[in-house]
């Protein structure tokens, strides 16, 4: 199994996210967030999700300054749908009955590794897309905490 070191569990914010970019098999890039999973029954203390809401795939959960995470849920900044940090499941709002799209990671001795064979690590942070810099948010109802 190929694995790439991403960060440490300690460096994943307790009420935010760690953003990184992966390259898909077709060469396209995709943003991924690492969030803490505080469920005592969970296998690992962090989980990784593709950085978009299931209701609108162009809506990023982490817009470059950390996803809003409250009470074990990632909050969509546009509509307020809340996704469980451990399972990715949403039971409310416009994204109700959906799951975030996961990316495989593993934790070994406090270090987080990318282990998903469908992607490869590109870099920390989001996709550098100069065309989007002047566009602003896709909604005026963006939530931050």
N, C-alpha and C. Protein backbone atom coordinates (compact mmCIF):
# COMPACT_ATOMS: atom_id res chain seq x y z
N UNK A 1 0.84 -1.18 0.00
CA UNK A 1 0.00 0.00 0.00
C UNK A 1 0.89 1.25 0.00
N UNK A 2 0.61 2.16 -0.93
CA UNK A 2 1.32 3.43 -0.99
C UNK A 2 0.64 4.41 -0.06
N UNK A 3 1.44 5.14 0.70
CA UNK A 3 0.87 6.15 1.57
C UNK A 3 1.78 7.37 1.57
N UNK A 4 1.16 8.53 1.67
CA UNK A 4 1.87 9.80 1.66
C UNK A 4 1.57 10.54 2.95
N UNK A 5 2.61 11.01 3.62
CA UNK A 5 2.43 11.75 4.86
C UNK A 5 1.76 13.09 4.56
N UNK A 6 0.68 13.39 5.31
CA UNK A 6 -0.03 14.65 5.13
C UNK A 6 0.27 15.65 6.24
N UNK A 7 0.08 15.24 7.48
CA UNK A 7 0.24 16.12 8.63
C UNK A 7 0.18 15.26 9.88
N UNK A 8 0.09 15.89 11.02
CA UNK A 8 -0.13 15.16 12.27
C UNK A 8 -1.56 15.40 12.74
N UNK A 9 -2.07 14.50 13.54
CA UNK A 9 -3.40 14.67 14.11
C UNK A 9 -3.44 15.97 14.91
N UNK A 10 -2.37 16.25 15.62
CA UNK A 10 -2.28 17.46 16.43
C UNK A 10 -2.47 18.73 15.60
N UNK A 11 -2.06 18.71 14.33
CA UNK A 11 -2.17 19.89 13.47
C UNK A 11 -3.52 20.03 12.76
N UNK A 12 -4.43 19.07 12.95
CA UNK A 12 -5.78 19.19 12.40
C UNK A 12 -6.61 19.95 13.44
N UNK A 13 -7.14 21.13 13.06
CA UNK A 13 -7.88 21.94 14.04
C UNK A 13 -9.07 21.18 14.64
N UNK A 14 -9.32 21.44 15.92
CA UNK A 14 -10.45 20.79 16.58
C UNK A 14 -11.79 21.30 16.08
N UNK A 15 -11.85 22.55 15.66
CA UNK A 15 -13.11 23.10 15.15
C UNK A 15 -12.88 23.77 13.79
N UNK A 16 -12.21 23.05 12.93
CA UNK A 16 -11.92 23.54 11.59
C UNK A 16 -11.47 22.38 10.73
N UNK A 17 -10.64 22.67 9.75
CA UNK A 17 -10.19 21.61 8.85
C UNK A 17 -8.78 21.89 8.37
N UNK A 18 -8.15 20.84 7.87
CA UNK A 18 -6.84 20.91 7.22
C UNK A 18 -7.10 20.65 5.74
N UNK A 19 -6.78 21.62 4.90
CA UNK A 19 -7.08 21.56 3.48
C UNK A 19 -5.85 21.12 2.68
N UNK A 20 -6.06 20.17 1.76
CA UNK A 20 -4.99 19.79 0.85
C UNK A 20 -5.58 19.43 -0.50
N UNK A 21 -4.72 19.33 -1.50
CA UNK A 21 -5.16 19.05 -2.87
C UNK A 21 -4.59 17.74 -3.34
N UNK A 22 -5.43 16.98 -4.05
CA UNK A 22 -5.01 15.71 -4.64
C UNK A 22 -5.19 15.77 -6.15
N UNK A 23 -4.50 14.89 -6.84
CA UNK A 23 -4.64 14.76 -8.28
C UNK A 23 -5.38 13.47 -8.57
N UNK A 24 -6.45 13.58 -9.35
CA UNK A 24 -7.25 12.43 -9.76
C UNK A 24 -6.50 11.67 -10.85
N UNK A 25 -6.97 10.47 -11.15
CA UNK A 25 -6.35 9.65 -12.20
C UNK A 25 -6.36 10.33 -13.56
N UNK A 26 -7.40 11.16 -13.82
CA UNK A 26 -7.49 11.85 -15.11
C UNK A 26 -6.63 13.12 -15.16
N UNK A 27 -5.90 13.42 -14.08
CA UNK A 27 -5.02 14.57 -14.03
C UNK A 27 -5.65 15.81 -13.41
N UNK A 28 -6.96 15.79 -13.20
CA UNK A 28 -7.62 16.95 -12.59
C UNK A 28 -7.29 17.00 -11.10
N UNK A 29 -7.42 18.18 -10.53
CA UNK A 29 -7.16 18.35 -9.11
C UNK A 29 -8.47 18.49 -8.34
N UNK A 30 -8.43 18.04 -7.10
CA UNK A 30 -9.60 18.08 -6.22
C UNK A 30 -9.13 18.46 -4.82
N UNK A 31 -9.88 19.32 -4.14
CA UNK A 31 -9.55 19.68 -2.77
C UNK A 31 -10.16 18.67 -1.81
N UNK A 32 -9.43 18.44 -0.71
CA UNK A 32 -9.86 17.49 0.32
C UNK A 32 -9.66 18.17 1.68
N UNK A 33 -10.58 17.90 2.60
CA UNK A 33 -10.43 18.41 3.96
C UNK A 33 -10.24 17.25 4.93
N UNK A 34 -9.37 17.46 5.89
CA UNK A 34 -9.23 16.56 7.04
C UNK A 34 -9.94 17.21 8.20
N UNK A 35 -10.78 16.45 8.90
CA UNK A 35 -11.46 16.96 10.08
C UNK A 35 -11.32 15.94 11.21
N UNK A 36 -11.42 16.43 12.41
CA UNK A 36 -11.36 15.54 13.57
C UNK A 36 -12.63 14.74 13.71
N UNK A 37 -12.47 13.50 14.12
CA UNK A 37 -13.59 12.61 14.42
C UNK A 37 -13.45 12.22 15.88
N UNK A 38 -14.33 12.74 16.71
CA UNK A 38 -14.21 12.51 18.15
C UNK A 38 -15.04 11.35 18.67
N UNK A 39 -15.61 10.56 17.76
CA UNK A 39 -16.41 9.40 18.16
C UNK A 39 -15.49 8.33 18.74
N UNK A 40 -15.75 7.92 19.95
CA UNK A 40 -14.91 6.93 20.63
C UNK A 40 -14.90 5.59 19.89
N UNK A 41 -15.94 5.31 19.11
CA UNK A 41 -16.02 4.05 18.37
C UNK A 41 -15.34 4.11 17.01
N UNK A 42 -14.90 5.28 16.59
CA UNK A 42 -14.27 5.43 15.27
C UNK A 42 -12.89 4.80 15.25
N UNK A 43 -12.49 4.30 14.08
CA UNK A 43 -11.18 3.68 13.94
C UNK A 43 -10.04 4.69 14.02
N UNK A 44 -10.25 5.87 13.44
CA UNK A 44 -9.20 6.89 13.41
C UNK A 44 -9.71 8.22 13.95
N UNK A 45 -8.82 9.04 14.49
CA UNK A 45 -9.25 10.32 15.06
C UNK A 45 -9.50 11.42 14.02
N UNK A 46 -9.22 11.16 12.74
CA UNK A 46 -9.51 12.12 11.67
C UNK A 46 -10.12 11.39 10.48
N UNK A 47 -10.88 12.14 9.69
CA UNK A 47 -11.44 11.62 8.45
C UNK A 47 -11.18 12.63 7.35
N UNK A 48 -11.24 12.18 6.09
CA UNK A 48 -10.98 13.06 4.95
C UNK A 48 -12.18 13.03 4.00
N UNK A 49 -12.58 14.21 3.57
CA UNK A 49 -13.74 14.36 2.69
C UNK A 49 -13.39 15.29 1.54
N UNK A 50 -13.92 15.00 0.37
CA UNK A 50 -13.76 15.93 -0.76
C UNK A 50 -14.45 17.23 -0.37
N UNK A 51 -13.85 18.31 -0.74
CA UNK A 51 -14.23 19.64 -0.26
C UNK A 51 -15.40 20.24 -1.04
N UNK A 52 -16.54 19.57 -0.98
CA UNK A 52 -17.75 20.15 -1.57
C UNK A 52 -18.99 19.61 -0.88
N UNK A 53 -20.03 20.42 -0.90
CA UNK A 53 -21.33 20.03 -0.34
C UNK A 53 -22.02 19.12 -1.33
N UNK A 54 -22.75 18.15 -0.84
CA UNK A 54 -23.47 17.23 -1.71
C UNK A 54 -24.68 17.90 -2.39
N UNK A 55 -25.17 18.99 -1.84
CA UNK A 55 -26.30 19.69 -2.44
C UNK A 55 -25.87 20.48 -3.68
N UNK A 56 -24.73 21.14 -3.60
CA UNK A 56 -24.18 21.90 -4.73
C UNK A 56 -22.69 21.62 -4.79
N UNK A 57 -22.25 20.84 -5.76
CA UNK A 57 -20.86 20.40 -5.79
C UNK A 57 -19.87 21.53 -6.06
N UNK A 58 -20.34 22.71 -6.47
CA UNK A 58 -19.41 23.83 -6.62
C UNK A 58 -19.28 24.63 -5.33
N UNK A 59 -20.00 24.23 -4.28
CA UNK A 59 -19.92 24.91 -2.99
C UNK A 59 -18.88 24.23 -2.11
N UNK A 60 -17.77 24.93 -1.87
CA UNK A 60 -16.71 24.38 -1.02
C UNK A 60 -17.07 24.51 0.46
N UNK A 61 -16.71 23.51 1.23
CA UNK A 61 -16.92 23.52 2.67
C UNK A 61 -15.82 24.33 3.36
N UNK A 62 -14.60 24.20 2.87
CA UNK A 62 -13.46 24.99 3.33
C UNK A 62 -13.08 25.91 2.19
N UNK A 63 -13.27 27.21 2.40
CA UNK A 63 -12.99 28.19 1.35
C UNK A 63 -11.60 28.80 1.50
N UNK A 64 -10.72 28.09 2.20
CA UNK A 64 -9.35 28.55 2.33
C UNK A 64 -8.96 28.99 3.72
N UNK A 65 -9.93 29.05 4.63
CA UNK A 65 -9.63 29.44 6.00
C UNK A 65 -10.24 28.49 7.02
N UNK A 66 -10.48 27.25 6.58
CA UNK A 66 -11.00 26.21 7.47
C UNK A 66 -12.50 26.06 7.35
N UNK A 67 -12.96 24.83 7.32
CA UNK A 67 -14.40 24.56 7.31
C UNK A 67 -14.97 24.88 8.68
N UNK A 68 -16.22 25.29 8.72
CA UNK A 68 -16.91 25.50 9.99
C UNK A 68 -17.28 24.13 10.55
N UNK A 69 -16.75 23.78 11.72
CA UNK A 69 -17.04 22.51 12.36
C UNK A 69 -17.58 22.81 13.76
N UNK A 70 -18.79 22.32 14.01
CA UNK A 70 -19.42 22.54 15.30
C UNK A 70 -20.07 21.25 15.78
N UNK A 71 -19.80 20.90 17.02
CA UNK A 71 -20.42 19.74 17.68
C UNK A 71 -20.32 18.49 16.82
N UNK A 72 -19.14 18.26 16.23
CA UNK A 72 -18.90 17.05 15.45
C UNK A 72 -19.52 17.05 14.07
N UNK A 73 -19.85 18.24 13.54
CA UNK A 73 -20.44 18.32 12.21
C UNK A 73 -19.79 19.43 11.39
N UNK A 74 -19.56 19.15 10.10
CA UNK A 74 -19.07 20.14 9.16
C UNK A 74 -20.30 20.88 8.63
N UNK A 75 -20.26 22.21 8.71
CA UNK A 75 -21.40 23.04 8.31
C UNK A 75 -21.16 23.60 6.91
N UNK A 76 -22.11 23.36 6.00
CA UNK A 76 -22.03 23.97 4.68
C UNK A 76 -22.24 25.47 4.83
N UNK A 77 -21.31 26.30 4.33
CA UNK A 77 -21.44 27.73 4.52
C UNK A 77 -22.54 28.38 3.69
N UNK A 78 -23.09 27.68 2.73
CA UNK A 78 -24.14 28.29 1.90
C UNK A 78 -25.54 28.03 2.43
N UNK A 79 -25.87 26.79 2.74
CA UNK A 79 -27.23 26.46 3.15
C UNK A 79 -27.34 25.98 4.59
N UNK A 80 -26.21 25.74 5.26
CA UNK A 80 -26.25 25.32 6.65
C UNK A 80 -26.43 23.84 6.87
N UNK A 81 -26.44 23.03 5.80
CA UNK A 81 -26.52 21.57 5.99
C UNK A 81 -25.33 21.14 6.84
N UNK A 82 -25.54 20.15 7.70
CA UNK A 82 -24.48 19.72 8.61
C UNK A 82 -24.17 18.25 8.38
N UNK A 83 -22.87 17.96 8.19
CA UNK A 83 -22.39 16.62 7.89
C UNK A 83 -21.59 16.09 9.07
N UNK A 84 -21.89 14.89 9.51
CA UNK A 84 -21.16 14.26 10.61
C UNK A 84 -19.69 14.12 10.22
N UNK A 85 -18.79 14.56 11.09
CA UNK A 85 -17.36 14.51 10.77
C UNK A 85 -16.83 13.09 10.65
N UNK A 86 -17.45 12.14 11.33
CA UNK A 86 -16.96 10.76 11.31
C UNK A 86 -17.52 9.94 10.14
N UNK A 87 -18.81 10.15 9.82
CA UNK A 87 -19.45 9.33 8.79
C UNK A 87 -19.72 10.08 7.49
N UNK A 88 -19.71 11.42 7.54
CA UNK A 88 -20.03 12.22 6.37
C UNK A 88 -21.52 12.35 6.11
N UNK A 89 -22.36 11.76 6.97
CA UNK A 89 -23.80 11.76 6.75
C UNK A 89 -24.44 13.09 7.14
N UNK A 90 -25.40 13.53 6.32
CA UNK A 90 -26.17 14.75 6.59
C UNK A 90 -27.63 14.35 6.82
N UNK A 91 -28.20 14.82 7.92
CA UNK A 91 -29.61 14.50 8.20
C UNK A 91 -30.50 15.74 8.20
N UNK A 92 -30.02 16.85 7.61
CA UNK A 92 -30.80 18.08 7.65
C UNK A 92 -30.53 18.96 6.44
N UNK A 93 -31.36 19.96 6.26
CA UNK A 93 -31.14 20.96 5.22
C UNK A 93 -31.28 20.42 3.81
N UNK A 94 -30.77 21.18 2.87
CA UNK A 94 -30.90 20.84 1.45
C UNK A 94 -30.09 19.61 1.05
N UNK A 95 -29.10 19.23 1.85
CA UNK A 95 -28.29 18.05 1.55
C UNK A 95 -28.72 16.83 2.35
N UNK A 96 -29.88 16.89 2.99
CA UNK A 96 -30.36 15.79 3.84
C UNK A 96 -30.35 14.46 3.10
N UNK A 97 -30.01 13.42 3.85
CA UNK A 97 -29.96 12.04 3.36
C UNK A 97 -28.81 11.78 2.38
N UNK A 98 -27.77 12.61 2.44
CA UNK A 98 -26.60 12.40 1.58
C UNK A 98 -25.36 12.22 2.44
N UNK A 99 -24.29 11.79 1.80
CA UNK A 99 -23.00 11.61 2.46
C UNK A 99 -21.93 12.39 1.73
N UNK A 100 -20.97 12.94 2.49
CA UNK A 100 -19.80 13.53 1.86
C UNK A 100 -19.02 12.43 1.15
N UNK A 101 -18.29 12.81 0.14
CA UNK A 101 -17.47 11.87 -0.61
C UNK A 101 -16.11 11.72 0.09
N UNK A 102 -15.82 10.51 0.53
CA UNK A 102 -14.63 10.27 1.34
C UNK A 102 -13.37 10.01 0.54
N UNK A 103 -12.26 10.25 1.21
CA UNK A 103 -10.92 9.95 0.72
C UNK A 103 -10.23 9.16 1.82
N UNK A 104 -9.58 8.06 1.46
CA UNK A 104 -8.97 7.18 2.46
C UNK A 104 -7.70 7.78 3.06
N UNK A 105 -7.68 7.82 4.39
CA UNK A 105 -6.49 8.22 5.14
C UNK A 105 -6.31 7.23 6.28
N UNK A 106 -5.12 7.20 6.83
CA UNK A 106 -4.82 6.35 7.98
C UNK A 106 -3.95 7.14 8.94
N UNK A 107 -4.04 6.78 10.20
CA UNK A 107 -3.22 7.41 11.23
C UNK A 107 -2.30 6.36 11.83
N UNK A 108 -1.04 6.70 11.88
CA UNK A 108 -0.03 5.82 12.46
C UNK A 108 0.84 6.64 13.39
N UNK A 109 0.77 6.34 14.67
CA UNK A 109 1.57 7.03 15.68
C UNK A 109 1.40 8.55 15.60
N UNK A 110 0.14 9.00 15.43
CA UNK A 110 -0.15 10.42 15.43
C UNK A 110 0.08 11.13 14.10
N UNK A 111 0.53 10.41 13.09
CA UNK A 111 0.78 10.99 11.77
C UNK A 111 -0.33 10.55 10.82
N UNK A 112 -0.86 11.50 10.04
CA UNK A 112 -1.94 11.22 9.10
C UNK A 112 -1.34 10.98 7.71
N UNK A 113 -1.75 9.87 7.09
CA UNK A 113 -1.26 9.49 5.77
C UNK A 113 -2.42 9.38 4.79
N UNK A 114 -2.20 9.83 3.56
CA UNK A 114 -3.13 9.60 2.47
C UNK A 114 -2.89 8.18 1.98
N UNK A 115 -3.95 7.35 1.97
CA UNK A 115 -3.82 5.95 1.57
C UNK A 115 -4.76 5.58 0.42
N UNK A 116 -5.46 6.56 -0.12
CA UNK A 116 -6.45 6.32 -1.17
C UNK A 116 -5.74 6.06 -2.50
N UNK A 117 -5.94 4.88 -3.07
CA UNK A 117 -5.25 4.50 -4.30
C UNK A 117 -5.83 5.18 -5.54
N UNK A 118 -6.96 5.90 -5.39
CA UNK A 118 -7.57 6.55 -6.55
C UNK A 118 -7.06 7.97 -6.79
N UNK A 119 -6.26 8.50 -5.84
CA UNK A 119 -5.73 9.85 -5.97
C UNK A 119 -4.27 9.87 -5.53
N UNK A 120 -3.57 10.95 -5.88
CA UNK A 120 -2.22 11.14 -5.35
C UNK A 120 -2.12 12.55 -4.79
N UNK A 121 -1.33 12.69 -3.74
CA UNK A 121 -1.14 13.97 -3.08
C UNK A 121 -0.51 14.97 -4.05
N UNK A 122 -1.04 16.19 -4.05
CA UNK A 122 -0.46 17.26 -4.85
C UNK A 122 0.24 18.28 -3.96
N UNK A 123 -0.51 18.93 -3.04
CA UNK A 123 0.09 19.92 -2.15
C UNK A 123 -0.88 20.30 -1.03
N UNK A 124 -0.34 20.89 0.03
CA UNK A 124 -1.16 21.44 1.11
C UNK A 124 -1.90 22.65 0.57
N UNK A 125 -3.09 22.91 1.11
CA UNK A 125 -3.88 24.05 0.68
C UNK A 125 -4.79 23.70 -0.48
N UNK A 126 -5.49 24.73 -0.98
CA UNK A 126 -6.46 24.53 -2.04
C UNK A 126 -5.85 24.61 -3.42
N UNK A 127 -6.71 24.42 -4.40
CA UNK A 127 -6.30 24.51 -5.80
C UNK A 127 -6.00 25.97 -6.12
N UNK A 128 -4.86 26.21 -6.71
CA UNK A 128 -4.49 27.57 -7.10
C UNK A 128 -5.12 27.88 -8.45
N UNK A 129 -6.24 28.56 -8.42
CA UNK A 129 -6.97 28.87 -9.65
C UNK A 129 -7.10 30.37 -9.77
N UNK A 130 -6.20 30.99 -10.51
CA UNK A 130 -6.18 32.45 -10.63
C UNK A 130 -7.46 33.00 -11.26
N UNK A 131 -8.16 32.21 -12.05
CA UNK A 131 -9.39 32.69 -12.69
C UNK A 131 -10.50 32.96 -11.69
N UNK A 132 -10.47 32.29 -10.53
CA UNK A 132 -11.54 32.44 -9.55
C UNK A 132 -11.27 33.53 -8.51
N UNK A 133 -10.10 34.14 -8.53
CA UNK A 133 -9.74 35.09 -7.48
C UNK A 133 -10.67 36.29 -7.39
N UNK A 134 -11.20 36.78 -8.51
CA UNK A 134 -12.02 37.97 -8.49
C UNK A 134 -13.51 37.69 -8.48
N UNK A 135 -13.92 36.45 -8.44
CA UNK A 135 -15.32 36.12 -8.54
C UNK A 135 -16.09 36.31 -7.24
N UNK A 136 -15.48 36.17 -6.10
CA UNK A 136 -16.19 36.30 -4.84
C UNK A 136 -17.02 35.06 -4.54
N UNK A 137 -17.76 35.08 -3.44
CA UNK A 137 -18.53 33.91 -3.03
C UNK A 137 -19.71 33.66 -3.97
N UNK A 138 -20.16 32.39 -4.01
CA UNK A 138 -21.30 32.03 -4.85
C UNK A 138 -22.62 32.31 -4.14
N UNK A 139 -22.56 32.82 -2.93
CA UNK A 139 -23.78 33.12 -2.18
C UNK A 139 -23.49 34.24 -1.20
N UNK A 140 -24.51 34.96 -0.82
CA UNK A 140 -24.34 36.00 0.20
C UNK A 140 -24.64 35.46 1.59
N UNK A 141 -24.99 34.19 1.70
CA UNK A 141 -25.36 33.63 3.00
C UNK A 141 -24.28 32.74 3.58
N UNK A 142 -23.02 32.99 3.26
CA UNK A 142 -21.93 32.16 3.76
C UNK A 142 -21.78 32.31 5.26
N UNK A 143 -21.78 31.18 5.96
CA UNK A 143 -21.64 31.15 7.41
C UNK A 143 -20.18 30.97 7.78
N UNK A 144 -19.74 31.67 8.79
CA UNK A 144 -18.44 31.43 9.39
C UNK A 144 -18.62 31.51 10.89
N UNK A 145 -17.71 30.89 11.60
CA UNK A 145 -17.79 30.88 13.06
C UNK A 145 -16.48 31.31 13.64
